[in-house]
Amino acid sequence: VGLCARLDAASPPSACRRRDDLGRAAELEEQALAALSGGGGVALPLACLGEAAALRRRHLHVLHADRARLADHMARALALAAGDFAGAAACLEYSVLGVAARFGPHSIELAFELHKLSQLLLHALLGGAPLFTTAAAALRPRPLALAAARLAGLPVDFPLVDLELAATAVAQRTRVSRCVAAQAARAEAIMAVFLDPADVRLGEIRDFVQNCRRTVDRLAG
């Protein structure tokens, strides 16, 4: 408290507020991870991560690594602990954008994140649950996602899922399935540049791409 008082006397109030908010966000992130590893349910981790995300939004750029990491944690909590694959994908897309900004639109790191994202969306498609809930839309507003994608240096045709409601559930699922297939294909193309042809991960992503394409054909039919 004494240090904060000294800072307040010598610098704008926002300097101390920023430090305190980001320190609190780090504590909340640690609490959430501990709760997740302890297997005590998803309510507490999501509450901690949500509060941490709100604090970081006040002070950090949308593509900051700390915000991307937090989005990854939220995706994990929603997918593994709550079974909400659509909500998890909405969170992970922010992580994908952060990774693209940090490592580049053609990096192996981005390929791995894209693979995770396409897996989450495929689970959501095959699970039959509603894909576009109010909660999912709130996690990743469409205009902000598009702006962040441009800032991350991603090409115009980069496959992002549109959270706007389609006219019918069938049209909605078909559109998402095509996006999933495009994400998986992009991940495969990037991995093929970096990985040995015999690498088991390359075989796995190729099998996954084929599975995605079969899903697209089935939904389109």
C-alpha atoms as a PDB file:
ATOM      1  CA  VAL A   1       0.000   0.000   0.000  1.00  0.00           C
ATOM      2  CA  GLY A   2       2.854   2.345   0.812  1.00  0.00           C
ATOM      3  CA  LEU A   3       4.421   1.795  -2.600  1.00  0.00           C
ATOM      4  CA  CYS A   4       1.099   2.430  -4.270  1.00  0.00           C
ATOM      5  CA  ALA A   5       0.737   5.681  -2.367  1.00  0.00           C
ATOM      6  CA  ARG A   6       4.197   6.781  -3.473  1.00  0.00           C
ATOM      7  CA  LEU A   7       3.427   5.921  -7.068  1.00  0.00           C
ATOM      8  CA  ASP A   8       0.182   7.854  -6.896  1.00  0.00           C
ATOM      9  CA  ALA A   9       2.041  10.887  -5.660  1.00  0.00           C
ATOM     10  CA  ALA A  10       4.607  10.807  -8.471  1.00  0.00           C
ATOM     11  CA  SER A  11       2.669   9.484 -11.472  1.00  0.00           C
ATOM     12  CA  PRO A  12      -0.845   9.403 -12.926  1.00  0.00           C
ATOM     13  CA  PRO A  13      -3.315   7.252 -10.948  1.00  0.00           C
ATOM     14  CA  SER A  14      -3.647   4.913 -13.924  1.00  0.00           C
ATOM     15  CA  ALA A  15      -0.059   3.676 -13.467  1.00  0.00           C
ATOM     16  CA  CYS A  16      -0.817   2.195 -10.072  1.00  0.00           C
ATOM     17  CA  ARG A  17      -4.228   0.962 -11.208  1.00  0.00           C
ATOM     18  CA  ARG A  18      -2.693  -0.827 -14.167  1.00  0.00           C
ATOM     19  CA  ARG A  19      -0.113  -2.569 -12.002  1.00  0.00           C
ATOM     20  CA  ASP A  20      -2.713  -3.631  -9.442  1.00  0.00           C
ATOM     21  CA  ASP A  21      -5.186  -4.839 -12.071  1.00  0.00           C
ATOM     22  CA  LEU A  22      -2.606  -6.899 -13.947  1.00  0.00           C
ATOM     23  CA  GLY A  23      -1.254  -8.326 -10.690  1.00  0.00           C
ATOM     24  CA  ARG A  24      -4.766  -9.330  -9.675  1.00  0.00           C
ATOM     25  CA  ALA A  25      -5.350 -10.878 -13.109  1.00  0.00           C
ATOM     26  CA  ALA A  26      -2.233 -13.030 -12.714  1.00  0.00           C
ATOM     27  CA  GLU A  27      -3.440 -14.221  -9.295  1.00  0.00           C
ATOM     28  CA  LEU A  28      -6.858 -15.101 -10.709  1.00  0.00           C
ATOM     29  CA  GLU A  29      -5.248 -17.016 -13.567  1.00  0.00           C
ATOM     30  CA  GLU A  30      -3.224 -19.081 -11.091  1.00  0.00           C
ATOM     31  CA  GLN A  31      -6.335 -19.773  -8.998  1.00  0.00           C
ATOM     32  CA  ALA A  32      -8.244 -20.915 -12.063  1.00  0.00           C
ATOM     33  CA  LEU A  33      -5.494 -23.293 -13.189  1.00  0.00           C
ATOM     34  CA  ALA A  34      -5.209 -24.764  -9.696  1.00  0.00           C
ATOM     35  CA  ALA A  35      -8.971 -25.301  -9.566  1.00  0.00           C
ATOM     36  CA  LEU A  36      -8.976 -26.926 -13.006  1.00  0.00           C
ATOM     37  CA  SER A  37      -6.178 -29.325 -12.112  1.00  0.00           C
ATOM     38  CA  GLY A  38      -7.942 -30.139  -8.845  1.00  0.00           C
ATOM     39  CA  GLY A  39     -11.025 -31.360 -10.673  1.00  0.00           C
ATOM     40  CA  GLY A  40     -13.454 -29.346  -8.577  1.00  0.00           C
ATOM     41  CA  GLY A  41     -15.811 -28.319 -11.366  1.00  0.00           C
ATOM     42  CA  VAL A  42     -15.849 -25.488 -13.852  1.00  0.00           C
ATOM     43  CA  ALA A  43     -17.745 -22.702 -12.068  1.00  0.00           C
ATOM     44  CA  LEU A  44     -14.821 -21.331 -10.048  1.00  0.00           C
ATOM     45  CA  PRO A  45     -12.218 -21.528 -12.851  1.00  0.00           C
ATOM     46  CA  LEU A  46     -14.525 -19.782 -15.309  1.00  0.00           C
ATOM     47  CA  ALA A  47     -15.377 -17.077 -12.789  1.00  0.00           C
ATOM     48  CA  CYS A  48     -11.681 -16.438 -12.112  1.00  0.00           C
ATOM     49  CA  LEU A  49     -10.763 -16.473 -15.796  1.00  0.00           C
ATOM     50  CA  GLY A  50     -13.651 -14.175 -16.676  1.00  0.00           C
ATOM     51  CA  GLU A  51     -12.591 -11.635 -14.054  1.00  0.00           C
ATOM     52  CA  ALA A  52      -8.958 -11.873 -15.164  1.00  0.00           C
ATOM     53  CA  ALA A  53      -9.999 -11.340 -18.784  1.00  0.00           C
ATOM     54  CA  ALA A  54     -11.985  -8.223 -17.838  1.00  0.00           C
ATOM     55  CA  LEU A  55      -8.982  -6.790 -15.988  1.00  0.00           C
ATOM     56  CA  ARG A  56      -6.599  -7.447 -18.868  1.00  0.00           C
ATOM     57  CA  ARG A  57      -8.997  -5.948 -21.403  1.00  0.00           C
ATOM     58  CA  ARG A  58      -8.635  -2.617 -19.591  1.00  0.00           C
ATOM     59  CA  HIS A  59      -4.894  -2.409 -20.110  1.00  0.00           C
ATOM     60  CA  LEU A  60      -3.608  -4.871 -22.744  1.00  0.00           C
ATOM     61  CA  HIS A  61      -3.828  -4.923 -26.527  1.00  0.00           C
ATOM     62  CA  VAL A  62      -6.335  -7.390 -27.973  1.00  0.00           C
ATOM     63  CA  LEU A  63      -3.469  -9.507 -29.352  1.00  0.00           C
ATOM     64  CA  HIS A  64      -1.277  -9.385 -26.235  1.00  0.00           C
ATOM     65  CA  ALA A  65       0.227 -12.784 -25.347  1.00  0.00           C
ATOM     66  CA  ASP A  66      -1.287 -12.727 -21.844  1.00  0.00           C
ATOM     67  CA  ARG A  67      -4.787 -12.283 -23.263  1.00  0.00           C
ATOM     68  CA  ALA A  68      -4.220 -15.038 -25.818  1.00  0.00           C
ATOM     69  CA  ARG A  69      -3.013 -17.403 -23.091  1.00  0.00           C
ATOM     70  CA  LEU A  70      -6.054 -16.616 -20.969  1.00  0.00           C
ATOM     71  CA  ALA A  71      -8.330 -17.370 -23.922  1.00  0.00           C
ATOM     72  CA  ASP A  72      -6.599 -20.728 -24.285  1.00  0.00           C
ATOM     73  CA  HIS A  73      -7.250 -21.504 -20.600  1.00  0.00           C
ATOM     74  CA  MET A  74     -10.918 -20.550 -20.964  1.00  0.00           C
ATOM     75  CA  ALA A  75     -11.241 -22.804 -24.002  1.00  0.00           C
ATOM     76  CA  ARG A  76      -9.758 -25.690 -22.063  1.00  0.00           C
ATOM     77  CA  ALA A  77     -12.108 -25.125 -19.135  1.00  0.00           C
ATOM     78  CA  LEU A  78     -15.183 -24.951 -21.359  1.00  0.00           C
ATOM     79  CA  ALA A  79     -14.247 -27.974 -23.458  1.00  0.00           C
ATOM     80  CA  LEU A  80     -12.832 -30.388 -20.879  1.00  0.00           C
ATOM     81  CA  ALA A  81     -14.741 -29.398 -17.769  1.00  0.00           C
ATOM     82  CA  ALA A  82     -18.049 -28.176 -19.173  1.00  0.00           C
ATOM     83  CA  GLY A  83     -18.303 -29.919 -22.553  1.00  0.00           C
ATOM     84  CA  ASP A  84     -19.132 -26.606 -24.248  1.00  0.00           C
ATOM     85  CA  PHE A  85     -17.154 -27.063 -27.458  1.00  0.00           C
ATOM     86  CA  ALA A  86     -18.749 -24.117 -29.277  1.00  0.00           C
ATOM     87  CA  GLY A  87     -17.946 -21.748 -26.415  1.00  0.00           C
ATOM     88  CA  ALA A  88     -14.444 -23.197 -26.214  1.00  0.00           C
ATOM     89  CA  ALA A  89     -13.918 -22.534 -29.922  1.00  0.00           C
ATOM     90  CA  ALA A  90     -15.081 -18.933 -29.522  1.00  0.00           C
ATOM     91  CA  CYS A  91     -12.393 -18.466 -26.859  1.00  0.00           C
ATOM     92  CA  LEU A  92      -9.678 -20.362 -28.706  1.00  0.00           C
ATOM     93  CA  GLU A  93     -10.097 -18.225 -31.801  1.00  0.00           C
ATOM     94  CA  TYR A  94      -8.704 -15.296 -29.815  1.00  0.00           C
ATOM     95  CA  SER A  95      -5.763 -17.491 -28.851  1.00  0.00           C
ATOM     96  CA  VAL A  96      -5.274 -18.309 -32.536  1.00  0.00           C
ATOM     97  CA  LEU A  97      -5.197 -14.613 -33.405  1.00  0.00           C
ATOM     98  CA  GLY A  98      -2.682 -13.911 -30.642  1.00  0.00           C
ATOM     99  CA  VAL A  99      -0.419 -16.737 -31.813  1.00  0.00           C
ATOM    100  CA  ALA A 100      -0.630 -15.475 -35.402  1.00  0.00           C
ATOM    101  CA  ALA A 101       0.383 -11.990 -34.266  1.00  0.00           C
ATOM    102  CA  ARG A 102       3.289 -13.317 -32.218  1.00  0.00           C
ATOM    103  CA  PHE A 103       4.694 -16.018 -34.508  1.00  0.00           C
ATOM    104  CA  GLY A 104       3.309 -15.124 -37.942  1.00  0.00           C
ATOM    105  CA  PRO A 105       0.480 -16.332 -40.199  1.00  0.00           C
ATOM    106  CA  HIS A 106       2.583 -19.186 -41.611  1.00  0.00           C
ATOM    107  CA  SER A 107       4.146 -20.473 -38.377  1.00  0.00           C
ATOM    108  CA  ILE A 108       4.034 -24.016 -37.036  1.00  0.00           C
ATOM    109  CA  GLU A 109       2.694 -22.587 -33.765  1.00  0.00           C
ATOM    110  CA  LEU A 110      -0.321 -21.231 -35.634  1.00  0.00           C
ATOM    111  CA  ALA A 111      -0.820 -24.585 -37.352  1.00  0.00           C
ATOM    112  CA  PHE A 112      -1.079 -26.366 -33.994  1.00  0.00           C
ATOM    113  CA  GLU A 113      -3.582 -23.798 -32.708  1.00  0.00           C
ATOM    114  CA  LEU A 114      -5.652 -24.094 -35.882  1.00  0.00           C
ATOM    115  CA  HIS A 115      -5.707 -27.853 -35.476  1.00  0.00           C
ATOM    116  CA  LYS A 116      -7.014 -27.476 -31.918  1.00  0.00           C
ATOM    117  CA  LEU A 117      -9.633 -24.979 -33.046  1.00  0.00           C
ATOM    118  CA  SER A 118     -10.883 -27.176 -35.884  1.00  0.00           C
ATOM    119  CA  GLN A 119     -11.087 -30.157 -33.506  1.00  0.00           C
ATOM    120  CA  LEU A 120     -13.240 -28.178 -31.064  1.00  0.00           C
ATOM    121  CA  LEU A 121     -15.588 -27.032 -33.799  1.00  0.00           C
ATOM    122  CA  LEU A 122     -15.880 -30.534 -35.233  1.00  0.00           C
ATOM    123  CA  HIS A 123     -16.809 -31.849 -31.774  1.00  0.00           C
ATOM    124  CA  ALA A 124     -19.449 -29.123 -31.557  1.00  0.00           C
ATOM    125  CA  LEU A 125     -20.822 -30.064 -34.969  1.00  0.00           C
ATOM    126  CA  LEU A 126     -20.957 -33.788 -34.285  1.00  0.00           C
ATOM    127  CA  GLY A 127     -22.316 -33.326 -30.774  1.00  0.00           C
ATOM    128  CA  GLY A 128     -25.540 -31.804 -32.041  1.00  0.00           C
ATOM    129  CA  ALA A 129     -25.568 -28.990 -29.468  1.00  0.00           C
ATOM    130  CA  PRO A 130     -26.487 -25.430 -30.513  1.00  0.00           C
ATOM    131  CA  LEU A 131     -23.401 -23.866 -32.080  1.00  0.00           C
ATOM    132  CA  PHE A 132     -24.134 -20.197 -31.635  1.00  0.00           C
ATOM    133  CA  THR A 133     -25.294 -19.335 -28.150  1.00  0.00           C
ATOM    134  CA  THR A 134     -25.535 -15.853 -26.686  1.00  0.00           C
ATOM    135  CA  ALA A 135     -22.635 -16.739 -24.392  1.00  0.00           C
ATOM    136  CA  ALA A 136     -20.421 -17.773 -27.297  1.00  0.00           C
ATOM    137  CA  ALA A 137     -21.203 -14.601 -29.212  1.00  0.00           C
ATOM    138  CA  ALA A 138     -20.353 -12.497 -26.167  1.00  0.00           C
ATOM    139  CA  LEU A 139     -17.006 -14.241 -25.803  1.00  0.00           C
ATOM    140  CA  ARG A 140     -15.939 -13.228 -29.273  1.00  0.00           C
ATOM    141  CA  PRO A 141     -17.786 -10.339 -30.942  1.00  0.00           C
ATOM    142  CA  ARG A 142     -17.470 -10.683 -34.710  1.00  0.00           C
ATOM    143  CA  PRO A 143     -16.216  -7.171 -35.616  1.00  0.00           C
ATOM    144  CA  LEU A 144     -13.453  -7.365 -33.019  1.00  0.00           C
ATOM    145  CA  ALA A 145     -12.388 -10.800 -34.246  1.00  0.00           C
ATOM    146  CA  LEU A 146     -12.116  -9.538 -37.826  1.00  0.00           C
ATOM    147  CA  ALA A 147     -10.170  -6.459 -36.783  1.00  0.00           C
ATOM    148  CA  ALA A 148      -7.812  -8.577 -34.690  1.00  0.00           C
ATOM    149  CA  ALA A 149      -7.288 -10.941 -37.610  1.00  0.00           C
ATOM    150  CA  ARG A 150      -6.168  -8.067 -39.812  1.00  0.00           C
ATOM    151  CA  LEU A 151      -3.846  -6.791 -37.066  1.00  0.00           C
ATOM    152  CA  ALA A 152      -2.383 -10.272 -36.725  1.00  0.00           C
ATOM    153  CA  GLY A 153      -1.393 -10.146 -40.389  1.00  0.00           C
ATOM    154  CA  LEU A 154      -3.740 -12.929 -41.460  1.00  0.00           C
ATOM    155  CA  PRO A 155      -4.917 -13.034 -45.083  1.00  0.00           C
ATOM    156  CA  VAL A 156      -8.395 -11.866 -46.015  1.00  0.00           C
ATOM    157  CA  ASP A 157      -9.561 -15.426 -46.693  1.00  0.00           C
ATOM    158  CA  PHE A 158      -8.429 -16.727 -43.298  1.00  0.00           C
ATOM    159  CA  PRO A 159     -11.229 -19.036 -42.080  1.00  0.00           C
ATOM    160  CA  LEU A 160     -13.027 -17.481 -39.116  1.00  0.00           C
ATOM    161  CA  VAL A 161     -16.387 -18.786 -37.972  1.00  0.00           C
ATOM    162  CA  ASP A 162     -19.169 -16.244 -38.374  1.00  0.00           C
ATOM    163  CA  LEU A 163     -21.184 -16.112 -35.162  1.00  0.00           C
ATOM    164  CA  GLU A 164     -24.118 -14.400 -36.833  1.00  0.00           C
ATOM    165  CA  LEU A 165     -27.156 -16.653 -36.920  1.00  0.00           C
ATOM    166  CA  ALA A 166     -27.892 -18.392 -40.201  1.00  0.00           C
ATOM    167  CA  ALA A 167     -31.409 -18.691 -41.566  1.00  0.00           C
ATOM    168  CA  THR A 168     -31.681 -22.357 -40.613  1.00  0.00           C
ATOM    169  CA  ALA A 169     -29.830 -24.777 -38.372  1.00  0.00           C
ATOM    170  CA  VAL A 170     -28.785 -26.810 -41.428  1.00  0.00           C
ATOM    171  CA  ALA A 171     -27.308 -23.761 -43.171  1.00  0.00           C
ATOM    172  CA  GLN A 172     -25.556 -22.802 -39.957  1.00  0.00           C
ATOM    173  CA  ARG A 173     -23.932 -26.192 -39.485  1.00  0.00           C
ATOM    174  CA  THR A 174     -22.964 -26.457 -43.144  1.00  0.00           C
ATOM    175  CA  ARG A 175     -21.232 -23.079 -43.034  1.00  0.00           C
ATOM    176  CA  VAL A 176     -19.320 -23.976 -39.882  1.00  0.00           C
ATOM    177  CA  SER A 177     -18.293 -27.359 -41.254  1.00  0.00           C
ATOM    178  CA  ARG A 178     -16.790 -25.692 -44.319  1.00  0.00           C
ATOM    179  CA  CYS A 179     -14.866 -23.308 -42.102  1.00  0.00           C
ATOM    180  CA  VAL A 180     -13.575 -26.239 -40.032  1.00  0.00           C
ATOM    181  CA  ALA A 181     -12.378 -28.022 -43.155  1.00  0.00           C
ATOM    182  CA  ALA A 182     -10.613 -24.842 -44.322  1.00  0.00           C
ATOM    183  CA  GLN A 183      -8.916 -24.415 -40.933  1.00  0.00           C
ATOM    184  CA  ALA A 184      -7.728 -28.015 -40.909  1.00  0.00           C
ATOM    185  CA  ALA A 185      -6.459 -27.796 -44.490  1.00  0.00           C
ATOM    186  CA  ARG A 186      -4.509 -24.628 -43.678  1.00  0.00           C
ATOM    187  CA  ALA A 187      -2.981 -26.325 -40.624  1.00  0.00           C
ATOM    188  CA  GLU A 188      -1.995 -29.300 -42.788  1.00  0.00           C
ATOM    189  CA  ALA A 189      -0.377 -27.058 -45.410  1.00  0.00           C
ATOM    190  CA  ILE A 190       1.715 -25.245 -42.805  1.00  0.00           C
ATOM    191  CA  MET A 191       2.738 -28.451 -41.023  1.00  0.00           C
ATOM    192  CA  ALA A 192       3.833 -30.006 -44.321  1.00  0.00           C
ATOM    193  CA  VAL A 193       6.437 -27.249 -44.643  1.00  0.00           C
ATOM    194  CA  PHE A 194       7.926 -27.729 -41.167  1.00  0.00           C
ATOM    195  CA  LEU A 195       7.475 -31.409 -40.331  1.00  0.00           C
ATOM    196  CA  ASP A 196       9.185 -34.486 -41.701  1.00  0.00           C
ATOM    197  CA  PRO A 197       6.870 -36.434 -44.048  1.00  0.00           C
ATOM    198  CA  ALA A 198       7.108 -39.393 -41.679  1.00  0.00           C
ATOM    199  CA  ASP A 199       6.128 -37.344 -38.614  1.00  0.00           C
ATOM    200  CA  VAL A 200       3.093 -38.932 -36.970  1.00  0.00           C
ATOM    201  CA  ARG A 201       1.540 -35.484 -36.384  1.00  0.00           C
ATOM    202  CA  LEU A 202       1.399 -34.884 -40.122  1.00  0.00           C
ATOM    203  CA  GLY A 203      -0.403 -38.177 -40.634  1.00  0.00           C
ATOM    204  CA  GLU A 204      -2.872 -37.300 -37.884  1.00  0.00           C
ATOM    205  CA  ILE A 205      -3.731 -33.902 -39.344  1.00  0.00           C
ATOM    206  CA  ARG A 206      -4.182 -35.410 -42.817  1.00  0.00           C
ATOM    207  CA  ASP A 207      -6.591 -38.006 -41.452  1.00  0.00           C
ATOM    208  CA  PHE A 208      -8.406 -35.228 -39.622  1.00  0.00           C
ATOM    209  CA  VAL A 209      -8.708 -33.135 -42.787  1.00  0.00           C
ATOM    210  CA  GLN A 210     -10.299 -36.079 -44.573  1.00  0.00           C
ATOM    211  CA  ASN A 211     -12.716 -36.539 -41.676  1.00  0.00           C
ATOM    212  CA  CYS A 212     -13.648 -32.845 -41.870  1.00  0.00           C
ATOM    213  CA  ARG A 213     -14.296 -33.085 -45.593  1.00  0.00           C
ATOM    214  CA  ARG A 214     -16.534 -36.111 -45.093  1.00  0.00           C
ATOM    215  CA  THR A 215     -18.473 -34.144 -42.489  1.00  0.00           C
ATOM    216  CA  VAL A 216     -18.892 -31.253 -44.933  1.00  0.00           C
ATOM    217  CA  ASP A 217     -20.186 -33.613 -47.624  1.00  0.00           C
ATOM    218  CA  ARG A 218     -22.603 -35.264 -45.202  1.00  0.00           C
ATOM    219  CA  LEU A 219     -24.022 -31.958 -43.958  1.00  0.00           C
ATOM    220  CA  ALA A 220     -24.245 -30.536 -47.462  1.00  0.00           C
ATOM    221  CA  GLY A 221     -26.085 -33.622 -48.653  1.00  0.00           C
END
